[in-house]
C-alpha atoms as a PDB file:
ATOM      1  CA  MET A   1     -12.078  -9.117  -3.702  1.00  0.00           C
ATOM      2  CA  CYS A   2      -8.995 -10.277  -5.556  1.00  0.00           C
ATOM      3  CA  ASP A   3      -9.740  -8.268  -8.724  1.00  0.00           C
ATOM      4  CA  ARG A   4     -10.504  -5.170  -6.682  1.00  0.00           C
ATOM      5  CA  PHE A   5      -7.358  -5.611  -4.641  1.00  0.00           C
ATOM      6  CA  MET A   6      -5.295  -6.018  -7.794  1.00  0.00           C
ATOM      7  CA  GLN A   7      -6.730  -2.735  -9.082  1.00  0.00           C
ATOM      8  CA  LEU A   8      -5.821  -1.022  -5.814  1.00  0.00           C
ATOM      9  CA  SER A   9      -2.383  -2.612  -5.882  1.00  0.00           C
ATOM     10  CA  ASN A  10      -1.798  -1.411  -9.444  1.00  0.00           C
ATOM     11  CA  LEU A  11      -2.925   2.079  -8.487  1.00  0.00           C
ATOM     12  CA  ASN A  12      -0.576   2.057  -5.496  1.00  0.00           C
ATOM     13  CA  GLU A  13       2.337   1.025  -7.722  1.00  0.00           C
ATOM     14  CA  LYS A  14       1.504   3.787 -10.212  1.00  0.00           C
ATOM     15  CA  ILE A  15       1.423   6.372  -7.438  1.00  0.00           C
ATOM     16  CA  LYS A  16       4.807   5.185  -6.121  1.00  0.00           C
ATOM     17  CA  SER A  17       6.274   5.203  -9.618  1.00  0.00           C
ATOM     18  CA  ASN A  18       4.999   8.706 -10.291  1.00  0.00           C
ATOM     19  CA  ILE A  19       6.436   9.972  -7.008  1.00  0.00           C
ATOM     20  CA  LYS A  20       9.857   8.596  -7.953  1.00  0.00           C
ATOM     21  CA  GLU A  21       9.570  10.223 -11.373  1.00  0.00           C
ATOM     22  CA  ALA A  22       8.550  13.535  -9.780  1.00  0.00           C
ATOM     23  CA  GLN A  23      11.602  13.381  -7.503  1.00  0.00           C
ATOM     24  CA  LEU A  24      13.833  12.715 -10.511  1.00  0.00           C
ATOM     25  CA  ILE A  25      12.319  15.662 -12.386  1.00  0.00           C
ATOM     26  CA  ASN A  26      12.888  17.932  -9.378  1.00  0.00           C
ATOM     27  CA  GLN A  27      16.514  16.763  -9.102  1.00  0.00           C
ATOM     28  CA  ARG A  28      17.099  17.543 -12.760  1.00  0.00           C
ATOM     29  CA  GLU A  29      15.476  20.951 -12.358  1.00  0.00           C
ATOM     30  CA  ASP A  30      17.789  21.643  -9.417  1.00  0.00           C
ATOM     31  CA  ALA A  31      20.797  20.659 -11.521  1.00  0.00           C
ATOM     32  CA  MET A  32      19.736  23.158 -14.178  1.00  0.00           C
ATOM     33  CA  ASN A  33      19.016  25.848 -11.547  1.00  0.00           C
ATOM     34  CA  TRP A  34      15.383  25.935 -12.627  1.00  0.00           C
ATOM     35  CA  SER A  35      12.470  26.356 -10.277  1.00  0.00           C
ATOM     36  CA  GLN A  36      11.029  23.052  -9.167  1.00  0.00           C
ATOM     37  CA  THR A  37       7.732  21.791 -10.490  1.00  0.00           C
ATOM     38  CA  ASP A  38       5.111  21.495  -7.778  1.00  0.00           C
ATOM     39  CA  PHE A  39       3.963  17.906  -7.363  1.00  0.00           C
ATOM     40  CA  GLY A  40       1.983  18.664  -4.198  1.00  0.00           C
ATOM     41  CA  LYS A  41      -1.207  17.105  -5.526  1.00  0.00           C
ATOM     42  CA  LEU A  42       0.619  13.823  -6.127  1.00  0.00           C
ATOM     43  CA  LYS A  43       1.949  13.778  -2.559  1.00  0.00           C
ATOM     44  CA  PHE A  44      -1.518  14.674  -1.283  1.00  0.00           C
ATOM     45  CA  LEU A  45      -3.019  11.812  -3.328  1.00  0.00           C
ATOM     46  CA  SER A  46      -0.435   9.404  -1.948  1.00  0.00           C
ATOM     47  CA  GLY A  47      -1.155  10.466   1.625  1.00  0.00           C
ATOM     48  CA  ASP A  48      -4.905  10.124   1.142  1.00  0.00           C
ATOM     49  CA  PHE A  49      -4.685   6.765  -0.623  1.00  0.00           C
ATOM     50  CA  SER A  50      -2.204   5.100   1.721  1.00  0.00           C
ATOM     51  CA  PRO A  51      -4.545   4.356   4.675  1.00  0.00           C
ATOM     52  CA  TYR A  52      -7.206   2.885   2.405  1.00  0.00           C
ATOM     53  CA  PHE A  53      -4.672   0.682   0.675  1.00  0.00           C
ATOM     54  CA  LEU A  54      -3.401  -0.495   4.060  1.00  0.00           C
ATOM     55  CA  ILE A  55      -6.932  -1.462   5.118  1.00  0.00           C
ATOM     56  CA  ALA A  56      -7.481  -3.294   1.822  1.00  0.00           C
ATOM     57  CA  THR A  57      -4.189  -5.151   2.299  1.00  0.00           C
ATOM     58  CA  LEU A  58      -5.117  -6.180   5.845  1.00  0.00           C
ATOM     59  CA  ALA A  59      -8.565  -7.335   4.685  1.00  0.00           C
ATOM     60  CA  LYS A  60      -7.042  -9.383   1.864  1.00  0.00           C
ATOM     61  CA  ASN A  61      -4.530 -11.015   4.195  1.00  0.00           C
ATOM     62  CA  TYR A  62      -7.292 -11.789   6.693  1.00  0.00           C
ATOM     63  CA  GLN A  63      -9.502 -13.274   3.995  1.00  0.00           C
ATOM     64  CA  LEU A  64      -6.668 -15.463   2.750  1.00  0.00           C
ATOM     65  CA  SER A  65      -5.809 -16.737   6.234  1.00  0.00           C
ATOM     66  CA  ILE A  66      -9.249 -17.018   7.897  1.00  0.00           C
ATOM     67  CA  GLU A  67      -9.465 -20.752   7.225  1.00  0.00           C
ATOM     68  CA  GLN A  68      -6.122 -21.349   8.917  1.00  0.00           C
ATOM     69  CA  LEU A  69      -7.043 -19.013  11.778  1.00  0.00           C
ATOM     70  CA  ALA A  70     -10.365 -20.748  12.339  1.00  0.00           C
ATOM     71  CA  ASN A  71      -9.222 -24.350  11.893  1.00  0.00           C
ATOM     72  CA  GLY A  72      -5.483 -24.218  12.471  1.00  0.00           C
ATOM     73  CA  ALA A  73      -3.497 -26.183  15.015  1.00  0.00           C
ATOM     74  CA  PHE A  74      -3.777 -23.520  17.714  1.00  0.00           C
ATOM     75  CA  ILE A  75      -7.518 -24.219  18.036  1.00  0.00           C
ATOM     76  CA  ARG A  76      -6.650 -27.598  19.532  1.00  0.00           C
ATOM     77  CA  ILE A  77      -4.751 -26.010  22.431  1.00  0.00           C
ATOM     78  CA  ASP A  78      -6.226 -27.067  25.742  1.00  0.00           C
ATOM     79  CA  ALA A  79      -6.051 -24.035  28.026  1.00  0.00           C
ATOM     80  CA  ALA A  80      -6.694 -26.143  31.164  1.00  0.00           C
ATOM     81  CA  ASN A  81      -3.464 -28.076  30.623  1.00  0.00           C
ATOM     82  CA  LEU A  82      -1.207 -25.052  30.171  1.00  0.00           C
END
């Protein structure tokens, strides 16, 4: 899972970096009074990828903390004495 998550994390970082670069390119085009380049596919890719990356992040965090969740101090709480 860790290698796969790292691949997804790297892909997410590349998408974010490319979006920032696309915004910079569009700003420069505006400054030159040129028509803006359409980066719609990049924004579409980001929107499609985001929910899957969120699920992968939640799964990774769960996997890393399952031992603590299952055997942590809260398991010793006695509900009858609350």
